[in-house]
Amino acid sequence: REALLTGFATHNYQARVNSIRPGLDGWLYAAVGLFGGEIESVKGASRLQLNGRDFRFHPDTGELEAATGNSQQGRVRDDWGRWFGCTNGTLIKHYPLGDHYLRRNPHLAPPPVEHNVLAGTGFSRLHPARKDPQLFKLSGSAGGVTSACGIGIYRDTLLGGEYSGDAFTCEPVNLLVHHTDLHRQPDAVAMTAHPPAAQREFLASTDRWFRPVQARTGPDGALWIVDMYRFIIEHPRWIPRETLEDLDVRAGASMGRIYRVFPNDRRPRPVPRLDQLRTKELAGALNTPNGTVRDLVMQMLLWRNDPEAVPGLST
């Protein structure tokens, strides 16, 4: 192991920096969480006070920069390099303009760099399967967005082409996973959303212990959902003291599961053993509909830095 960055705020487990993801440019991007910290690059000897900003860093050079966006628990990219995030009260935000591009022209007054995709649409109203979810004084109202986290962009075709490039946001308080049908107008920079096909959620449960917290495209083509499976999902800080005395906030700490979502008439693909491929074969493995596998292949090609990959990449 090698330490790359230090200085992160660690006093609140659910509010730490999270969601480190590779960009198409070879940098790693991360969500700031709630508290961030003043981080330092071990290699580059540079410091960055996050102050509510997402960030990016280069693992080889140690370069460290602020990035567009303020993501609380979840930051993710689609196949085209478009970045999205979420906060507990916002299901999906789009960051159409990268901060590293805007810094090139300090005289430019840029348009908004964050776009709440569902603002003003009415599409963010949730439809829980259970009408009496466990709510505390500070949880918000049933059916309202109060714990959005773990956003994922589906980057495969196994679920069906209509889901490719769409967003899935977890909402553990409301016991569901919300689907956003993303769309881009030809003359627009920011992403928008199509109206939902039905007044119901992509995945919802009546089990009060069902706590989805992360959606990912699995390397097998299925949509993977991480379920913490806890009786209490709120941090104790947000539960009134008089209520907290009667609760076991650690109930379910030894539990948890991962669901794989795929159609009844299709099966997930075998997960490829990329580590067993020669460089030439590895370059050919980019020819897959699975975005997670393509990301892994790209990273391995960068690590190897082997000229044998060039013919396969240039055809």
Foldseek 3Di string as FASTA:
>chain_A
DDDFKDFWDPPDPQQTKDDFDAFPVQKTWIACADQNGWMATPQQRDIDGQPQFTWIAHRPRSDIGTWPDRAHADWEAAPVRWIWHADQQAQIKTQLDIPVVVVVDPPDPDDDRIGRQCPPPPQQFADAPAPDFDDAPQQDDARGRGGKHAKEQQQFAQQHPQRHRWIWIWRFRSAAIATFRWDDDPPDRDIHTDHDPDRHGPGHDNDNQFGWHHWYQDLQRFIKTKTLRANDDDDPVRHDPVVVVPDDRCGSVVDIDMDTDGDPVDDGHDRDPLVPDDLCVLLVVCPHSHPVSVSVSVVVCVVVVDCSSVVSNVD
